[in-house]
């Protein structure tokens, strides 16, 4: 499943990515130094679960170690990442 990074809060280390075709957002906290940028395409597991995951950043051709905190709508994603 693919998602596009839409929101980044560097102070909190949080990102929100819109899941393609669903309109839902996955909220994740960065666990390593690999940092996505707004507009980056990332590949998620078919079933997104809360907790530690590794996403493929296909834009930057690397992996991102993350902690998935939530799957929600756009409004909730903006609020959580403020």
Foldseek 3Di string as FASTA:
>chain_A
DKWFWADAQVVQQKTWTQDPPPQKIWIKHFDDDDDDDGGFMWDDPPDDDFAWDWIQGPVVGGITIIGTDDIGHPVVNVVVRD
